[in-house]
Amino acid sequence: MLKDEDLISFDQFEAAIFDLDGTLVHSEHVWDQAKREILASYGITPSQSLLDKHVGRGLNGFLDDVFEQSLSGEEYEEVRNKIGARADVLLPELSLPVEGAPEYLSALHVKGVRIAICSSSPERHIQSAIDRLSLQSQVELYVSGSDLPRGKPDPLPYQTTLQRLGLSASKACAFEDSSPGAESALAAGLTVFGIGVPIAGTEFPKRTIQVKCFRDLPLP
């Protein structure tokens, strides 16, 4: 799917920033299950379209839509914590590596490209995924959008990652599987590779370099 006009040289990049859920690990279905199970205890059944709407965006906006911003701060945190705790149990059991993703990340690292992760997931889930994929020595740092005032598709998560890397946007590229994630990275000024096909009914924004899988990506 990578076209001739999209071909770029990795020589310009000092770092590669990876999304986590859906990009490095198949885990969106796990988050959907955790959300459904916890919300069922409140008598709520979220539609698949609502779940799909918030792929790549984290829990904040999702819970705002579900409860129509009717929760107190304490109640909001309680539901967040319950979903996160259920995901803690389900992720190690049900999440799987995206085919070719850990190998491609490792190949970039071997070539001297610095590696970072920018995800909407909580820090503990990012660290757990890094451990399961055996990427401890390759990943230099990670940023959790759940710790920031604004998450994807806002550029803040990627801007924060660039700041912590000490790099300008022209010196890094991003890898994303969702439209909100690609929007976030593009708004931060990054070159963005879109992996696979985003959720049904959405498209990667223009300027995203789309590929079917990691095998179709260039190496430095």
C-alpha atoms as a PDB file:
ATOM      1  CA  MET A   1       0.000   0.000   0.000  1.00  0.00           C
ATOM      2  CA  LEU A   2       3.016   2.286   0.455  1.00  0.00           C
ATOM      3  CA  LYS A   3       3.246   4.354  -2.730  1.00  0.00           C
ATOM      4  CA  ASP A   4       6.369   5.611  -4.457  1.00  0.00           C
ATOM      5  CA  GLU A   5       5.534   9.193  -3.546  1.00  0.00           C
ATOM      6  CA  ASP A   6       5.287   8.168   0.107  1.00  0.00           C
ATOM      7  CA  LEU A   7       8.761   6.682   0.269  1.00  0.00           C
ATOM      8  CA  ILE A   8      10.937   8.505   2.771  1.00  0.00           C
ATOM      9  CA  SER A   9      14.366   8.011   4.207  1.00  0.00           C
ATOM     10  CA  PHE A  10      14.588   7.004   7.848  1.00  0.00           C
ATOM     11  CA  ASP A  11      17.921   8.822   7.959  1.00  0.00           C
ATOM     12  CA  GLN A  12      16.019  11.968   8.950  1.00  0.00           C
ATOM     13  CA  PHE A  13      14.536  10.362  12.079  1.00  0.00           C
ATOM     14  CA  GLU A  14      16.296   9.990  15.398  1.00  0.00           C
ATOM     15  CA  ALA A  15      13.270   8.481  17.168  1.00  0.00           C
ATOM     16  CA  ALA A  16      10.185   6.389  16.480  1.00  0.00           C
ATOM     17  CA  ILE A  17       7.106   6.821  18.680  1.00  0.00           C
ATOM     18  CA  PHE A  18       4.631   3.945  18.842  1.00  0.00           C
ATOM     19  CA  ASP A  19       1.027   3.883  19.948  1.00  0.00           C
ATOM     20  CA  LEU A  20       0.280   0.801  22.073  1.00  0.00           C
ATOM     21  CA  ASP A  21      -3.274  -0.569  21.856  1.00  0.00           C
ATOM     22  CA  GLY A  22      -3.965  -1.793  18.341  1.00  0.00           C
ATOM     23  CA  THR A  23      -0.484  -0.841  17.125  1.00  0.00           C
ATOM     24  CA  LEU A  24       1.840  -3.013  19.213  1.00  0.00           C
ATOM     25  CA  VAL A  25      -0.766  -5.244  20.894  1.00  0.00           C
ATOM     26  CA  HIS A  26      -4.282  -6.342  19.936  1.00  0.00           C
ATOM     27  CA  SER A  27      -6.071  -5.078  23.023  1.00  0.00           C
ATOM     28  CA  GLU A  28      -8.967  -2.850  22.002  1.00  0.00           C
ATOM     29  CA  HIS A  29     -11.346  -5.825  22.260  1.00  0.00           C
ATOM     30  CA  VAL A  30     -10.100  -6.370  25.811  1.00  0.00           C
ATOM     31  CA  TRP A  31     -10.838  -2.768  26.781  1.00  0.00           C
ATOM     32  CA  ASP A  32     -14.289  -3.107  25.210  1.00  0.00           C
ATOM     33  CA  GLN A  33     -14.957  -6.184  27.360  1.00  0.00           C
ATOM     34  CA  ALA A  34     -13.770  -4.431  30.542  1.00  0.00           C
ATOM     35  CA  LYS A  35     -15.986  -1.428  29.790  1.00  0.00           C
ATOM     36  CA  ARG A  36     -19.017  -3.602  29.082  1.00  0.00           C
ATOM     37  CA  GLU A  37     -18.589  -5.700  32.225  1.00  0.00           C
ATOM     38  CA  ILE A  38     -18.203  -2.742  34.588  1.00  0.00           C
ATOM     39  CA  LEU A  39     -20.950  -0.638  33.001  1.00  0.00           C
ATOM     40  CA  ALA A  40     -23.312  -3.627  33.217  1.00  0.00           C
ATOM     41  CA  SER A  41     -23.125  -3.278  37.005  1.00  0.00           C
ATOM     42  CA  TYR A  42     -24.572   0.222  36.542  1.00  0.00           C
ATOM     43  CA  GLY A  43     -27.330  -1.086  34.288  1.00  0.00           C
ATOM     44  CA  ILE A  44     -25.704   0.376  31.177  1.00  0.00           C
ATOM     45  CA  THR A  45     -24.999  -1.399  27.884  1.00  0.00           C
ATOM     46  CA  PRO A  46     -22.784   0.749  25.651  1.00  0.00           C
ATOM     47  CA  SER A  47     -23.343   0.368  21.923  1.00  0.00           C
ATOM     48  CA  GLN A  48     -20.548  -0.897  19.693  1.00  0.00           C
ATOM     49  CA  SER A  49     -20.649   2.407  17.824  1.00  0.00           C
ATOM     50  CA  LEU A  50     -19.967   4.276  21.064  1.00  0.00           C
ATOM     51  CA  LEU A  51     -17.103   1.918  21.917  1.00  0.00           C
ATOM     52  CA  ASP A  52     -15.679   2.351  18.419  1.00  0.00           C
ATOM     53  CA  LYS A  53     -15.967   6.130  18.657  1.00  0.00           C
ATOM     54  CA  HIS A  54     -13.513   6.160  21.551  1.00  0.00           C
ATOM     55  CA  VAL A  55     -10.892   3.764  20.208  1.00  0.00           C
ATOM     56  CA  GLY A  56      -7.525   5.406  20.805  1.00  0.00           C
ATOM     57  CA  ARG A  57      -8.988   8.148  22.980  1.00  0.00           C
ATOM     58  CA  GLY A  58      -8.807   6.790  26.529  1.00  0.00           C
ATOM     59  CA  LEU A  59     -11.551   6.679  29.152  1.00  0.00           C
ATOM     60  CA  ASN A  60     -12.263  10.342  29.884  1.00  0.00           C
ATOM     61  CA  GLY A  61     -14.401  11.201  26.866  1.00  0.00           C
ATOM     62  CA  PHE A  62     -15.974   7.747  26.841  1.00  0.00           C
ATOM     63  CA  LEU A  63     -17.314   8.092  30.370  1.00  0.00           C
ATOM     64  CA  ASP A  64     -18.500  11.629  29.647  1.00  0.00           C
ATOM     65  CA  ASP A  65     -20.581  10.266  26.763  1.00  0.00           C
ATOM     66  CA  VAL A  66     -21.875   7.261  28.694  1.00  0.00           C
ATOM     67  CA  PHE A  67     -22.978   9.210  31.762  1.00  0.00           C
ATOM     68  CA  GLU A  68     -23.645  12.480  29.900  1.00  0.00           C
ATOM     69  CA  GLN A  69     -21.271  14.276  32.280  1.00  0.00           C
ATOM     70  CA  SER A  70     -23.595  13.564  35.229  1.00  0.00           C
ATOM     71  CA  LEU A  71     -21.001  11.970  37.540  1.00  0.00           C
ATOM     72  CA  SER A  72     -19.301  13.688  40.440  1.00  0.00           C
ATOM     73  CA  GLY A  73     -15.509  13.697  40.443  1.00  0.00           C
ATOM     74  CA  GLU A  74     -15.463  10.891  43.006  1.00  0.00           C
ATOM     75  CA  GLU A  75     -17.954   8.750  41.074  1.00  0.00           C
ATOM     76  CA  TYR A  76     -16.074   9.362  37.848  1.00  0.00           C
ATOM     77  CA  GLU A  77     -12.813   8.176  39.394  1.00  0.00           C
ATOM     78  CA  GLU A  78     -14.541   5.116  40.861  1.00  0.00           C
ATOM     79  CA  VAL A  79     -15.792   3.944  37.451  1.00  0.00           C
ATOM     80  CA  ARG A  80     -12.409   4.648  35.849  1.00  0.00           C
ATOM     81  CA  ASN A  81     -10.658   2.610  38.523  1.00  0.00           C
ATOM     82  CA  LYS A  82     -13.079  -0.304  38.163  1.00  0.00           C
ATOM     83  CA  ILE A  83     -12.602  -0.474  34.386  1.00  0.00           C
ATOM     84  CA  GLY A  84      -8.836  -0.207  34.800  1.00  0.00           C
ATOM     85  CA  ALA A  85      -8.797  -2.947  37.432  1.00  0.00           C
ATOM     86  CA  ARG A  86     -10.829  -5.273  35.227  1.00  0.00           C
ATOM     87  CA  ALA A  87      -8.478  -4.551  32.328  1.00  0.00           C
ATOM     88  CA  ASP A  88      -5.566  -5.456  34.638  1.00  0.00           C
ATOM     89  CA  VAL A  89      -7.007  -8.968  34.835  1.00  0.00           C
ATOM     90  CA  LEU A  90      -8.059  -9.354  31.205  1.00  0.00           C
ATOM     91  CA  LEU A  91      -5.102  -7.852  29.325  1.00  0.00           C
ATOM     92  CA  PRO A  92      -2.504 -10.508  30.226  1.00  0.00           C
ATOM     93  CA  GLU A  93      -5.014 -13.229  29.314  1.00  0.00           C
ATOM     94  CA  LEU A  94      -6.518 -11.857  26.103  1.00  0.00           C
ATOM     95  CA  SER A  95      -4.157  -9.353  24.470  1.00  0.00           C
ATOM     96  CA  LEU A  96      -1.791 -10.531  21.717  1.00  0.00           C
ATOM     97  CA  PRO A  97       1.140  -8.876  19.924  1.00  0.00           C
ATOM     98  CA  VAL A  98       0.343  -7.290  16.574  1.00  0.00           C
ATOM     99  CA  GLU A  99       2.055  -9.434  13.944  1.00  0.00           C
ATOM    100  CA  GLY A 100       5.501  -8.078  13.148  1.00  0.00           C
ATOM    101  CA  ALA A 101       5.269  -5.145  15.567  1.00  0.00           C
ATOM    102  CA  PRO A 102       7.797  -6.158  18.269  1.00  0.00           C
ATOM    103  CA  GLU A 103      10.236  -7.344  15.608  1.00  0.00           C
ATOM    104  CA  TYR A 104       9.988  -4.081  13.656  1.00  0.00           C
ATOM    105  CA  LEU A 105      10.418  -1.986  16.793  1.00  0.00           C
ATOM    106  CA  SER A 106      13.478  -4.038  17.753  1.00  0.00           C
ATOM    107  CA  ALA A 107      14.929  -3.684  14.248  1.00  0.00           C
ATOM    108  CA  LEU A 108      14.659   0.103  14.472  1.00  0.00           C
ATOM    109  CA  HIS A 109      16.367   0.006  17.864  1.00  0.00           C
ATOM    110  CA  VAL A 110      19.230  -2.072  16.474  1.00  0.00           C
ATOM    111  CA  LYS A 111      19.674   0.547  13.735  1.00  0.00           C
ATOM    112  CA  GLY A 112      20.116   3.221  16.393  1.00  0.00           C
ATOM    113  CA  VAL A 113      16.635   4.754  16.312  1.00  0.00           C
ATOM    114  CA  ARG A 114      15.398   5.797  19.763  1.00  0.00           C
ATOM    115  CA  ILE A 115      12.091   4.201  20.750  1.00  0.00           C
ATOM    116  CA  ALA A 116       9.207   5.717  22.734  1.00  0.00           C
ATOM    117  CA  ILE A 117       5.580   4.766  23.360  1.00  0.00           C
ATOM    118  CA  CYS A 118       2.742   7.304  23.418  1.00  0.00           C
ATOM    119  CA  SER A 119      -0.500   5.691  24.553  1.00  0.00           C
ATOM    120  CA  SER A 120      -3.889   6.571  26.002  1.00  0.00           C
ATOM    121  CA  SER A 121      -3.563   3.648  28.431  1.00  0.00           C
ATOM    122  CA  PRO A 122      -2.560   4.091  32.094  1.00  0.00           C
ATOM    123  CA  GLU A 123       1.139   3.807  32.862  1.00  0.00           C
ATOM    124  CA  ARG A 124       0.815   0.391  34.536  1.00  0.00           C
ATOM    125  CA  HIS A 125      -0.774  -1.070  31.404  1.00  0.00           C
ATOM    126  CA  ILE A 126       1.946   0.369  29.196  1.00  0.00           C
ATOM    127  CA  GLN A 127       4.656  -1.052  31.451  1.00  0.00           C
ATOM    128  CA  SER A 128       2.898  -4.430  31.600  1.00  0.00           C
ATOM    129  CA  ALA A 129       2.743  -4.583  27.785  1.00  0.00           C
ATOM    130  CA  ILE A 130       6.420  -3.657  27.505  1.00  0.00           C
ATOM    131  CA  ASP A 131       7.236  -6.517  29.884  1.00  0.00           C
ATOM    132  CA  ARG A 132       5.041  -9.037  28.024  1.00  0.00           C
ATOM    133  CA  LEU A 133       6.629  -8.076  24.701  1.00  0.00           C
ATOM    134  CA  SER A 134      10.150  -8.160  26.214  1.00  0.00           C
ATOM    135  CA  LEU A 135      10.872  -4.609  25.048  1.00  0.00           C
ATOM    136  CA  GLN A 136      12.373  -3.297  28.292  1.00  0.00           C
ATOM    137  CA  SER A 137      15.790  -2.655  26.755  1.00  0.00           C
ATOM    138  CA  GLN A 138      14.424  -1.111  23.553  1.00  0.00           C
ATOM    139  CA  VAL A 139      11.841   1.379  24.865  1.00  0.00           C
ATOM    140  CA  GLU A 140      13.550   4.495  26.180  1.00  0.00           C
ATOM    141  CA  LEU A 141      10.449   6.164  27.619  1.00  0.00           C
ATOM    142  CA  TYR A 142       6.674   6.145  27.496  1.00  0.00           C
ATOM    143  CA  VAL A 143       3.939   8.735  27.942  1.00  0.00           C
ATOM    144  CA  SER A 144       0.421   7.980  29.186  1.00  0.00           C
ATOM    145  CA  GLY A 145      -2.319  10.258  27.889  1.00  0.00           C
ATOM    146  CA  SER A 146      -4.386   9.372  30.950  1.00  0.00           C
ATOM    147  CA  ASP A 147      -1.950  11.424  33.044  1.00  0.00           C
ATOM    148  CA  LEU A 148      -2.335  14.535  30.891  1.00  0.00           C
ATOM    149  CA  PRO A 149      -5.055  17.214  30.869  1.00  0.00           C
ATOM    150  CA  ARG A 150      -5.885  16.380  27.238  1.00  0.00           C
ATOM    151  CA  GLY A 151      -5.544  13.085  25.395  1.00  0.00           C
ATOM    152  CA  LYS A 152      -5.618  12.009  21.762  1.00  0.00           C
ATOM    153  CA  PRO A 153      -6.707  13.395  19.264  1.00  0.00           C
ATOM    154  CA  ASP A 154      -5.257  16.496  20.957  1.00  0.00           C
ATOM    155  CA  PRO A 155      -1.540  16.860  20.096  1.00  0.00           C
ATOM    156  CA  LEU A 156      -0.515  17.150  23.765  1.00  0.00           C
ATOM    157  CA  PRO A 157       0.447  13.446  24.254  1.00  0.00           C
ATOM    158  CA  TYR A 158       2.821  13.525  21.296  1.00  0.00           C
ATOM    159  CA  GLN A 159       4.099  17.000  22.136  1.00  0.00           C
ATOM    160  CA  THR A 160       4.890  15.731  25.626  1.00  0.00           C
ATOM    161  CA  THR A 161       6.685  12.680  24.204  1.00  0.00           C
ATOM    162  CA  LEU A 162       8.796  14.889  21.925  1.00  0.00           C
ATOM    163  CA  GLN A 163       9.598  17.191  24.828  1.00  0.00           C
ATOM    164  CA  ARG A 164      10.795  14.282  26.968  1.00  0.00           C
ATOM    165  CA  LEU A 165      12.871  12.969  24.075  1.00  0.00           C
ATOM    166  CA  GLY A 166      14.347  16.438  23.608  1.00  0.00           C
ATOM    167  CA  LEU A 167      13.574  16.359  19.878  1.00  0.00           C
ATOM    168  CA  SER A 168      11.740  18.500  17.362  1.00  0.00           C
ATOM    169  CA  ALA A 169       8.877  16.915  15.431  1.00  0.00           C
ATOM    170  CA  SER A 170      10.981  16.771  12.265  1.00  0.00           C
ATOM    171  CA  LYS A 171      13.345  14.323  13.982  1.00  0.00           C
ATOM    172  CA  ALA A 172      10.730  11.678  14.855  1.00  0.00           C
ATOM    173  CA  CYS A 173       7.947   9.628  13.305  1.00  0.00           C
ATOM    174  CA  ALA A 174       4.854   7.993  14.776  1.00  0.00           C
ATOM    175  CA  PHE A 175       3.075   4.669  14.255  1.00  0.00           C
ATOM    176  CA  GLU A 176      -0.698   4.565  14.819  1.00  0.00           C
ATOM    177  CA  ASP A 177      -3.649   2.289  14.121  1.00  0.00           C
ATOM    178  CA  SER A 178      -6.510   4.753  14.748  1.00  0.00           C
ATOM    179  CA  SER A 179      -7.724   8.026  13.312  1.00  0.00           C
ATOM    180  CA  PRO A 180      -7.631   9.923  16.667  1.00  0.00           C
ATOM    181  CA  GLY A 181      -4.064   8.779  17.266  1.00  0.00           C
ATOM    182  CA  ALA A 182      -2.948   9.788  13.784  1.00  0.00           C
ATOM    183  CA  GLU A 183      -4.662  13.175  14.202  1.00  0.00           C
ATOM    184  CA  SER A 184      -2.793  13.698  17.468  1.00  0.00           C
ATOM    185  CA  ALA A 185       0.580  12.861  15.948  1.00  0.00           C
ATOM    186  CA  LEU A 186       0.015  14.927  12.801  1.00  0.00           C
ATOM    187  CA  ALA A 187      -1.103  17.923  14.850  1.00  0.00           C
ATOM    188  CA  ALA A 188       2.159  17.636  16.798  1.00  0.00           C
ATOM    189  CA  GLY A 189       4.020  17.898  13.479  1.00  0.00           C
ATOM    190  CA  LEU A 190       5.162  14.283  13.144  1.00  0.00           C
ATOM    191  CA  THR A 191       5.430  12.081  10.085  1.00  0.00           C
ATOM    192  CA  VAL A 192       2.793   9.410  10.716  1.00  0.00           C
ATOM    193  CA  PHE A 193       2.517   5.808   9.532  1.00  0.00           C
ATOM    194  CA  GLY A 194      -0.985   4.350   9.721  1.00  0.00           C
ATOM    195  CA  ILE A 195      -0.893   0.601  10.292  1.00  0.00           C
ATOM    196  CA  GLY A 196      -3.715  -1.503   8.866  1.00  0.00           C
ATOM    197  CA  VAL A 197      -7.297  -0.274   8.560  1.00  0.00           C
ATOM    198  CA  PRO A 198      -8.832   1.943  11.272  1.00  0.00           C
ATOM    199  CA  ILE A 199     -12.173   1.174  12.925  1.00  0.00           C
ATOM    200  CA  ALA A 200     -15.079   0.803  10.477  1.00  0.00           C
ATOM    201  CA  GLY A 201     -16.561   4.153   9.513  1.00  0.00           C
ATOM    202  CA  THR A 202     -13.315   6.066  10.078  1.00  0.00           C
ATOM    203  CA  GLU A 203     -10.368   6.904   7.880  1.00  0.00           C
ATOM    204  CA  PHE A 204      -6.818   7.955   8.560  1.00  0.00           C
ATOM    205  CA  PRO A 205      -6.424  11.706   8.080  1.00  0.00           C
ATOM    206  CA  LYS A 206      -4.683  13.026   4.998  1.00  0.00           C
ATOM    207  CA  ARG A 207      -0.881  13.043   5.149  1.00  0.00           C
ATOM    208  CA  THR A 208      -0.911   9.695   6.992  1.00  0.00           C
ATOM    209  CA  ILE A 209       1.349   7.197   5.218  1.00  0.00           C
ATOM    210  CA  GLN A 210      -0.764   4.046   5.178  1.00  0.00           C
ATOM    211  CA  VAL A 211       0.556   0.481   5.124  1.00  0.00           C
ATOM    212  CA  LYS A 212      -1.196  -2.867   5.497  1.00  0.00           C
ATOM    213  CA  CYS A 213       1.200  -4.237   8.089  1.00  0.00           C
ATOM    214  CA  PHE A 214       4.634  -3.771   9.621  1.00  0.00           C
ATOM    215  CA  ARG A 215       6.231  -5.938   6.927  1.00  0.00           C
ATOM    216  CA  ASP A 216       5.449  -3.190   4.393  1.00  0.00           C
ATOM    217  CA  LEU A 217       7.391  -0.526   6.295  1.00  0.00           C
ATOM    218  CA  PRO A 218      10.919   0.608   5.379  1.00  0.00           C
ATOM    219  CA  LEU A 219      13.884   0.262   7.707  1.00  0.00           C
ATOM    220  CA  PRO A 220      16.689   2.785   8.158  1.00  0.00           C
END
